[in-house]
Amino acid sequence: METQKTASYPKSEKLKRQKLIERLFTEGQSVGQYPLRLVFLSVPENKVPLQIAVSVSKKYFKKAVDRNYFKRVLRECYRKHQHQIKEQLVEPQVMLFFYQTRDRLPFAEIEEKTQLLFAKWEKVQSTQKNEKDV
């Protein structure tokens, strides 16, 4: 019988430090899969292997209720598919996960796009790892 890994999003994995978030915007790399964007940065001095924050623009959703709904959706998608990222980690990373459209996509479609986005991130990570090895 196969044991299933528990997928969680503990407090230690939530990115809250303002300095790290600012560094992400200035030094970070990004990958996108419409309507999502993932900005990431390696932070070797970080004690936690992975920290992530989610964001939905006030520009697209004026009401906090709508922004909060999509943030919950993004966190749930991350929680369900975080294994894709954690299996590929070489050094500690911080990430920002964005929803960047006015379109109100259904959960299933956002989840599918999340998987594609994480796959793109894996490709970027593997090419960077190969460049460092050479």
N, C-alpha and C. Protein backbone atom coordinates (compact mmCIF):
# COMPACT_ATOMS: atom_id res chain seq x y z
N MET A 1 0.84 -1.18 0.00
CA MET A 1 0.00 0.00 0.00
C MET A 1 0.89 1.25 0.00
N GLU A 2 0.58 2.19 -0.86
CA GLU A 2 1.40 3.38 -1.01
C GLU A 2 0.97 4.44 0.01
N THR A 3 1.96 4.99 0.70
CA THR A 3 1.64 6.04 1.66
C THR A 3 1.64 7.39 0.94
N GLN A 4 0.65 8.19 1.26
CA GLN A 4 0.51 9.48 0.60
C GLN A 4 1.18 10.56 1.44
N LYS A 5 1.96 11.43 0.77
CA LYS A 5 2.62 12.52 1.46
C LYS A 5 1.57 13.57 1.83
N THR A 6 1.71 14.13 3.02
CA THR A 6 0.79 15.19 3.40
C THR A 6 1.29 16.50 2.82
N ALA A 7 0.38 17.20 2.17
CA ALA A 7 0.72 18.49 1.60
C ALA A 7 0.23 19.57 2.55
N SER A 8 1.16 20.38 3.00
CA SER A 8 0.78 21.45 3.92
C SER A 8 1.49 22.73 3.52
N TYR A 9 1.08 23.81 4.11
CA TYR A 9 1.68 25.12 3.88
C TYR A 9 1.88 25.75 5.25
N PRO A 10 2.92 25.28 5.97
CA PRO A 10 3.13 25.76 7.34
C PRO A 10 3.58 27.22 7.39
N LYS A 11 3.47 27.81 8.54
CA LYS A 11 3.82 29.21 8.75
C LYS A 11 5.28 29.49 8.37
N SER A 12 6.16 28.52 8.61
CA SER A 12 7.59 28.71 8.31
C SER A 12 7.84 28.88 6.81
N GLU A 13 6.93 28.40 5.96
CA GLU A 13 7.10 28.52 4.51
C GLU A 13 6.48 29.79 3.95
N LYS A 14 5.84 30.59 4.77
CA LYS A 14 5.22 31.82 4.29
C LYS A 14 6.26 32.93 4.26
N LEU A 15 6.42 33.55 3.13
CA LEU A 15 7.39 34.63 2.95
C LEU A 15 6.77 35.92 3.46
N LYS A 16 7.41 36.51 4.48
CA LYS A 16 6.88 37.74 5.07
C LYS A 16 7.92 38.84 5.19
N ARG A 17 9.19 38.50 5.09
CA ARG A 17 10.26 39.49 5.31
C ARG A 17 10.32 40.48 4.14
N GLN A 18 10.12 41.75 4.47
CA GLN A 18 10.06 42.81 3.46
C GLN A 18 11.36 42.91 2.66
N LYS A 19 12.51 42.74 3.33
CA LYS A 19 13.80 42.84 2.62
C LYS A 19 13.94 41.75 1.57
N LEU A 20 13.49 40.54 1.90
CA LEU A 20 13.56 39.45 0.92
C LEU A 20 12.61 39.71 -0.24
N ILE A 21 11.44 40.24 0.04
CA ILE A 21 10.48 40.54 -1.02
C ILE A 21 11.04 41.61 -1.95
N GLU A 22 11.68 42.63 -1.38
CA GLU A 22 12.31 43.67 -2.20
C GLU A 22 13.44 43.10 -3.05
N ARG A 23 14.24 42.20 -2.46
CA ARG A 23 15.31 41.54 -3.22
C ARG A 23 14.75 40.73 -4.38
N LEU A 24 13.60 40.08 -4.15
CA LEU A 24 12.97 39.31 -5.21
C LEU A 24 12.66 40.20 -6.41
N PHE A 25 12.12 41.39 -6.15
CA PHE A 25 11.77 42.28 -7.25
C PHE A 25 13.00 42.84 -7.96
N THR A 26 14.09 43.05 -7.24
CA THR A 26 15.27 43.63 -7.88
C THR A 26 16.19 42.58 -8.50
N GLU A 27 16.39 41.45 -7.82
CA GLU A 27 17.36 40.46 -8.28
C GLU A 27 16.74 39.18 -8.83
N GLY A 28 15.47 38.96 -8.57
CA GLY A 28 14.84 37.68 -8.89
C GLY A 28 14.61 37.44 -10.38
N GLN A 29 14.48 36.18 -10.72
CA GLN A 29 14.13 35.76 -12.07
C GLN A 29 12.66 35.38 -12.06
N SER A 30 12.05 35.32 -13.24
CA SER A 30 10.65 34.94 -13.25
C SER A 30 10.32 34.04 -14.43
N VAL A 31 9.28 33.25 -14.24
CA VAL A 31 8.71 32.44 -15.30
C VAL A 31 7.21 32.70 -15.27
N GLY A 32 6.59 32.62 -16.43
CA GLY A 32 5.16 32.89 -16.50
C GLY A 32 4.41 31.84 -17.29
N GLN A 33 3.18 31.65 -16.91
CA GLN A 33 2.24 30.78 -17.64
C GLN A 33 0.89 31.45 -17.45
N TYR A 34 0.42 32.14 -18.48
CA TYR A 34 -0.77 32.95 -18.35
C TYR A 34 -1.85 32.20 -17.59
N PRO A 35 -2.42 32.78 -16.59
CA PRO A 35 -2.34 34.12 -16.02
C PRO A 35 -1.42 34.20 -14.80
N LEU A 36 -0.54 33.23 -14.64
CA LEU A 36 0.29 33.16 -13.43
C LEU A 36 1.73 33.57 -13.71
N ARG A 37 2.41 34.06 -12.68
CA ARG A 37 3.83 34.39 -12.76
C ARG A 37 4.48 33.96 -11.45
N LEU A 38 5.68 33.41 -11.58
CA LEU A 38 6.45 32.98 -10.42
C LEU A 38 7.79 33.70 -10.45
N VAL A 39 8.06 34.51 -9.44
CA VAL A 39 9.34 35.21 -9.31
C VAL A 39 10.11 34.48 -8.23
N PHE A 40 11.36 34.12 -8.51
CA PHE A 40 12.13 33.31 -7.56
C PHE A 40 13.56 33.80 -7.44
N LEU A 41 14.16 33.46 -6.31
CA LEU A 41 15.53 33.87 -6.03
C LEU A 41 16.15 32.87 -5.08
N SER A 42 17.38 32.47 -5.37
CA SER A 42 18.12 31.59 -4.46
C SER A 42 18.66 32.43 -3.31
N VAL A 43 18.46 31.95 -2.09
CA VAL A 43 18.93 32.66 -0.90
C VAL A 43 19.64 31.63 -0.02
N PRO A 44 20.93 31.38 -0.28
CA PRO A 44 21.65 30.34 0.46
C PRO A 44 21.68 30.55 1.97
N GLU A 45 21.60 31.82 2.42
CA GLU A 45 21.66 32.07 3.86
C GLU A 45 20.34 31.77 4.58
N ASN A 46 19.29 31.48 3.83
CA ASN A 46 17.99 31.20 4.43
C ASN A 46 17.98 29.82 5.09
N LYS A 47 17.40 29.72 6.27
CA LYS A 47 17.36 28.44 6.99
C LYS A 47 16.24 27.53 6.49
N VAL A 48 15.17 28.13 5.97
CA VAL A 48 14.03 27.36 5.46
C VAL A 48 14.29 27.07 3.98
N PRO A 49 14.12 25.83 3.54
CA PRO A 49 14.44 25.49 2.14
C PRO A 49 13.59 26.24 1.11
N LEU A 50 12.33 26.54 1.45
CA LEU A 50 11.45 27.21 0.50
C LEU A 50 10.48 28.10 1.24
N GLN A 51 10.41 29.37 0.82
CA GLN A 51 9.41 30.29 1.34
C GLN A 51 8.70 30.90 0.14
N ILE A 52 7.37 31.03 0.26
CA ILE A 52 6.58 31.53 -0.87
C ILE A 52 5.49 32.47 -0.36
N ALA A 53 5.20 33.47 -1.17
CA ALA A 53 4.11 34.40 -0.90
C ALA A 53 3.22 34.44 -2.13
N VAL A 54 1.95 34.74 -1.95
CA VAL A 54 1.02 34.85 -3.07
C VAL A 54 0.52 36.29 -3.16
N SER A 55 0.20 36.71 -4.38
CA SER A 55 -0.26 38.07 -4.57
C SER A 55 -1.26 38.15 -5.71
N VAL A 56 -2.27 38.99 -5.50
CA VAL A 56 -3.27 39.28 -6.53
C VAL A 56 -3.38 40.80 -6.58
N SER A 57 -3.30 41.35 -7.77
CA SER A 57 -3.23 42.80 -7.93
C SER A 57 -4.55 43.51 -7.63
N LYS A 58 -4.43 44.61 -6.92
CA LYS A 58 -5.58 45.47 -6.64
C LYS A 58 -6.04 46.14 -7.94
N LYS A 59 -5.13 46.23 -8.89
CA LYS A 59 -5.45 46.83 -10.20
C LYS A 59 -6.55 46.02 -10.90
N TYR A 60 -6.49 44.70 -10.77
CA TYR A 60 -7.44 43.84 -11.46
C TYR A 60 -8.68 43.54 -10.63
N PHE A 61 -8.53 43.43 -9.33
CA PHE A 61 -9.65 43.11 -8.44
C PHE A 61 -9.73 44.17 -7.35
N LYS A 62 -10.65 45.09 -7.52
CA LYS A 62 -10.78 46.20 -6.58
C LYS A 62 -11.26 45.76 -5.21
N LYS A 63 -12.12 44.75 -5.18
CA LYS A 63 -12.69 44.30 -3.91
C LYS A 63 -11.79 43.27 -3.24
N ALA A 64 -11.56 43.48 -1.95
CA ALA A 64 -10.70 42.58 -1.18
C ALA A 64 -11.26 41.16 -1.18
N VAL A 65 -12.56 41.03 -1.22
CA VAL A 65 -13.19 39.70 -1.24
C VAL A 65 -12.70 38.90 -2.45
N ASP A 66 -12.64 39.56 -3.60
CA ASP A 66 -12.19 38.89 -4.82
C ASP A 66 -10.71 38.55 -4.75
N ARG A 67 -9.90 39.51 -4.28
CA ARG A 67 -8.46 39.26 -4.15
C ARG A 67 -8.20 38.10 -3.20
N ASN A 68 -8.89 38.09 -2.08
CA ASN A 68 -8.71 37.02 -1.09
C ASN A 68 -9.10 35.66 -1.66
N TYR A 69 -10.15 35.62 -2.45
CA TYR A 69 -10.56 34.36 -3.07
C TYR A 69 -9.43 33.80 -3.94
N PHE A 70 -8.87 34.65 -4.80
CA PHE A 70 -7.83 34.16 -5.70
C PHE A 70 -6.54 33.85 -4.95
N LYS A 71 -6.26 34.55 -3.86
CA LYS A 71 -5.10 34.19 -3.04
C LYS A 71 -5.30 32.82 -2.41
N ARG A 72 -6.51 32.53 -1.95
CA ARG A 72 -6.79 31.19 -1.40
C ARG A 72 -6.61 30.12 -2.47
N VAL A 73 -7.06 30.42 -3.67
CA VAL A 73 -6.92 29.47 -4.78
C VAL A 73 -5.43 29.23 -5.07
N LEU A 74 -4.64 30.29 -5.13
CA LEU A 74 -3.21 30.14 -5.40
C LEU A 74 -2.51 29.34 -4.30
N ARG A 75 -2.84 29.63 -3.05
CA ARG A 75 -2.23 28.87 -1.95
C ARG A 75 -2.60 27.40 -2.02
N GLU A 76 -3.84 27.11 -2.37
CA GLU A 76 -4.28 25.72 -2.47
C GLU A 76 -3.57 25.01 -3.63
N CYS A 77 -3.43 25.69 -4.75
CA CYS A 77 -2.71 25.10 -5.89
C CYS A 77 -1.26 24.83 -5.52
N TYR A 78 -0.64 25.79 -4.85
CA TYR A 78 0.74 25.58 -4.40
C TYR A 78 0.81 24.39 -3.44
N ARG A 79 -0.09 24.35 -2.47
CA ARG A 79 -0.08 23.29 -1.46
C ARG A 79 -0.19 21.91 -2.11
N LYS A 80 -1.06 21.79 -3.10
CA LYS A 80 -1.28 20.50 -3.75
C LYS A 80 -0.12 20.07 -4.64
N HIS A 81 0.63 21.05 -5.19
CA HIS A 81 1.66 20.71 -6.17
C HIS A 81 3.06 21.16 -5.75
N GLN A 82 3.25 21.45 -4.48
CA GLN A 82 4.55 21.90 -4.01
C GLN A 82 5.63 20.85 -4.16
N HIS A 83 5.24 19.58 -4.21
CA HIS A 83 6.23 18.51 -4.38
C HIS A 83 7.03 18.69 -5.66
N GLN A 84 6.41 19.27 -6.71
CA GLN A 84 7.12 19.52 -7.97
C GLN A 84 8.32 20.44 -7.74
N ILE A 85 8.16 21.41 -6.87
CA ILE A 85 9.23 22.36 -6.59
C ILE A 85 10.22 21.77 -5.60
N LYS A 86 9.72 21.20 -4.53
CA LYS A 86 10.60 20.73 -3.46
C LYS A 86 11.53 19.62 -3.91
N GLU A 87 11.12 18.81 -4.87
CA GLU A 87 11.97 17.73 -5.38
C GLU A 87 13.16 18.29 -6.15
N GLN A 88 13.02 19.48 -6.72
CA GLN A 88 14.07 20.07 -7.57
C GLN A 88 14.98 21.05 -6.84
N LEU A 89 14.67 21.36 -5.58
CA LEU A 89 15.46 22.35 -4.85
C LEU A 89 16.89 21.89 -4.62
N VAL A 90 17.84 22.76 -4.95
CA VAL A 90 19.24 22.50 -4.70
C VAL A 90 19.70 23.33 -3.51
N GLU A 91 19.26 24.60 -3.49
CA GLU A 91 19.55 25.48 -2.37
C GLU A 91 18.28 26.24 -2.00
N PRO A 92 18.24 26.84 -0.81
CA PRO A 92 17.02 27.53 -0.36
C PRO A 92 16.56 28.61 -1.35
N GLN A 93 15.26 28.68 -1.55
CA GLN A 93 14.66 29.64 -2.48
C GLN A 93 13.55 30.41 -1.80
N VAL A 94 13.32 31.64 -2.28
CA VAL A 94 12.14 32.41 -1.93
C VAL A 94 11.40 32.70 -3.23
N MET A 95 10.06 32.73 -3.14
CA MET A 95 9.25 32.88 -4.34
C MET A 95 8.05 33.77 -4.09
N LEU A 96 7.61 34.42 -5.15
CA LEU A 96 6.35 35.16 -5.16
C LEU A 96 5.50 34.56 -6.27
N PHE A 97 4.26 34.26 -5.96
CA PHE A 97 3.34 33.59 -6.86
C PHE A 97 2.21 34.58 -7.17
N PHE A 98 2.09 35.04 -8.42
CA PHE A 98 1.15 36.08 -8.81
C PHE A 98 0.01 35.55 -9.67
N TYR A 99 -1.15 36.15 -9.50
CA TYR A 99 -2.28 35.98 -10.41
C TYR A 99 -2.40 37.30 -11.15
N GLN A 100 -2.21 37.30 -12.48
CA GLN A 100 -2.06 38.55 -13.22
C GLN A 100 -3.06 38.75 -14.34
N THR A 101 -4.33 38.67 -14.05
CA THR A 101 -5.32 38.94 -15.08
C THR A 101 -6.63 39.35 -14.44
N ARG A 102 -7.46 39.98 -15.22
CA ARG A 102 -8.80 40.34 -14.77
C ARG A 102 -9.75 39.15 -14.87
N ASP A 103 -9.39 38.19 -15.72
CA ASP A 103 -10.25 37.03 -15.97
C ASP A 103 -10.44 36.21 -14.69
N ARG A 104 -11.67 35.80 -14.47
CA ARG A 104 -11.99 34.98 -13.30
C ARG A 104 -12.03 33.51 -13.74
N LEU A 105 -10.85 32.91 -13.75
CA LEU A 105 -10.73 31.53 -14.21
C LEU A 105 -11.19 30.56 -13.13
N PRO A 106 -11.73 29.42 -13.54
CA PRO A 106 -12.14 28.41 -12.55
C PRO A 106 -10.92 27.74 -11.90
N PHE A 107 -11.15 27.17 -10.73
CA PHE A 107 -10.07 26.55 -9.96
C PHE A 107 -9.32 25.51 -10.79
N ALA A 108 -10.05 24.65 -11.50
CA ALA A 108 -9.41 23.57 -12.27
C ALA A 108 -8.42 24.12 -13.29
N GLU A 109 -8.78 25.21 -13.94
CA GLU A 109 -7.89 25.80 -14.94
C GLU A 109 -6.66 26.43 -14.28
N ILE A 110 -6.86 27.10 -13.15
CA ILE A 110 -5.73 27.69 -12.44
C ILE A 110 -4.78 26.60 -11.95
N GLU A 111 -5.35 25.49 -11.49
CA GLU A 111 -4.53 24.38 -11.02
C GLU A 111 -3.69 23.79 -12.16
N GLU A 112 -4.31 23.66 -13.32
CA GLU A 112 -3.60 23.14 -14.50
C GLU A 112 -2.46 24.09 -14.89
N LYS A 113 -2.73 25.39 -14.88
CA LYS A 113 -1.71 26.38 -15.22
C LYS A 113 -0.59 26.38 -14.18
N THR A 114 -0.93 26.13 -12.92
CA THR A 114 0.08 26.05 -11.86
C THR A 114 1.06 24.92 -12.15
N GLN A 115 0.54 23.77 -12.54
CA GLN A 115 1.40 22.64 -12.85
C GLN A 115 2.33 22.97 -14.02
N LEU A 116 1.80 23.63 -15.04
CA LEU A 116 2.62 24.02 -16.19
C LEU A 116 3.69 25.04 -15.77
N LEU A 117 3.30 25.97 -14.90
CA LEU A 117 4.25 26.98 -14.41
C LEU A 117 5.37 26.33 -13.62
N PHE A 118 5.03 25.40 -12.75
CA PHE A 118 6.06 24.71 -11.95
C PHE A 118 6.97 23.89 -12.85
N ALA A 119 6.42 23.32 -13.93
CA ALA A 119 7.25 22.57 -14.89
C ALA A 119 8.24 23.51 -15.59
N LYS A 120 7.77 24.72 -15.94
CA LYS A 120 8.67 25.71 -16.54
C LYS A 120 9.78 26.08 -15.57
N TRP A 121 9.42 26.26 -14.31
CA TRP A 121 10.40 26.59 -13.28
C TRP A 121 11.45 25.48 -13.18
N GLU A 122 11.00 24.22 -13.24
CA GLU A 122 11.93 23.09 -13.19
C GLU A 122 12.94 23.16 -14.33
N LYS A 123 12.47 23.50 -15.54
CA LYS A 123 13.38 23.60 -16.68
C LYS A 123 14.43 24.68 -16.46
N VAL A 124 14.01 25.82 -15.94
CA VAL A 124 14.94 26.92 -15.67
C VAL A 124 15.97 26.47 -14.63
N GLN A 125 15.50 25.80 -13.59
CA GLN A 125 16.39 25.32 -12.53
C GLN A 125 17.40 24.31 -13.08
N SER A 126 16.94 23.40 -13.92
CA SER A 126 17.85 22.38 -14.43
C SER A 126 18.90 23.00 -15.36
N THR A 127 18.53 24.01 -16.16
CA THR A 127 19.52 24.65 -17.02
C THR A 127 20.53 25.44 -16.19
N GLN A 128 20.06 26.08 -15.12
CA GLN A 128 20.99 26.81 -14.25
C GLN A 128 21.94 25.85 -13.54
N LYS A 129 21.42 24.71 -13.12
CA LYS A 129 22.24 23.71 -12.44
C LYS A 129 23.31 23.18 -13.40
N ASN A 130 22.92 22.95 -14.66
CA ASN A 130 23.88 22.46 -15.64
C ASN A 130 24.94 23.50 -15.95
N GLU A 131 24.56 24.79 -15.99
CA GLU A 131 25.54 25.85 -16.25
C GLU A 131 26.54 25.96 -15.10
N LYS A 132 26.08 25.77 -13.85
CA LYS A 132 26.98 25.84 -12.71
C LYS A 132 27.95 24.66 -12.70
N ASP A 133 27.49 23.50 -13.15
CA ASP A 133 28.31 22.30 -13.16
C ASP A 133 29.44 22.40 -14.19
N VAL A 134 29.20 23.12 -15.27
CA VAL A 134 30.18 23.20 -16.37
C VAL A 134 31.29 24.16 -16.05
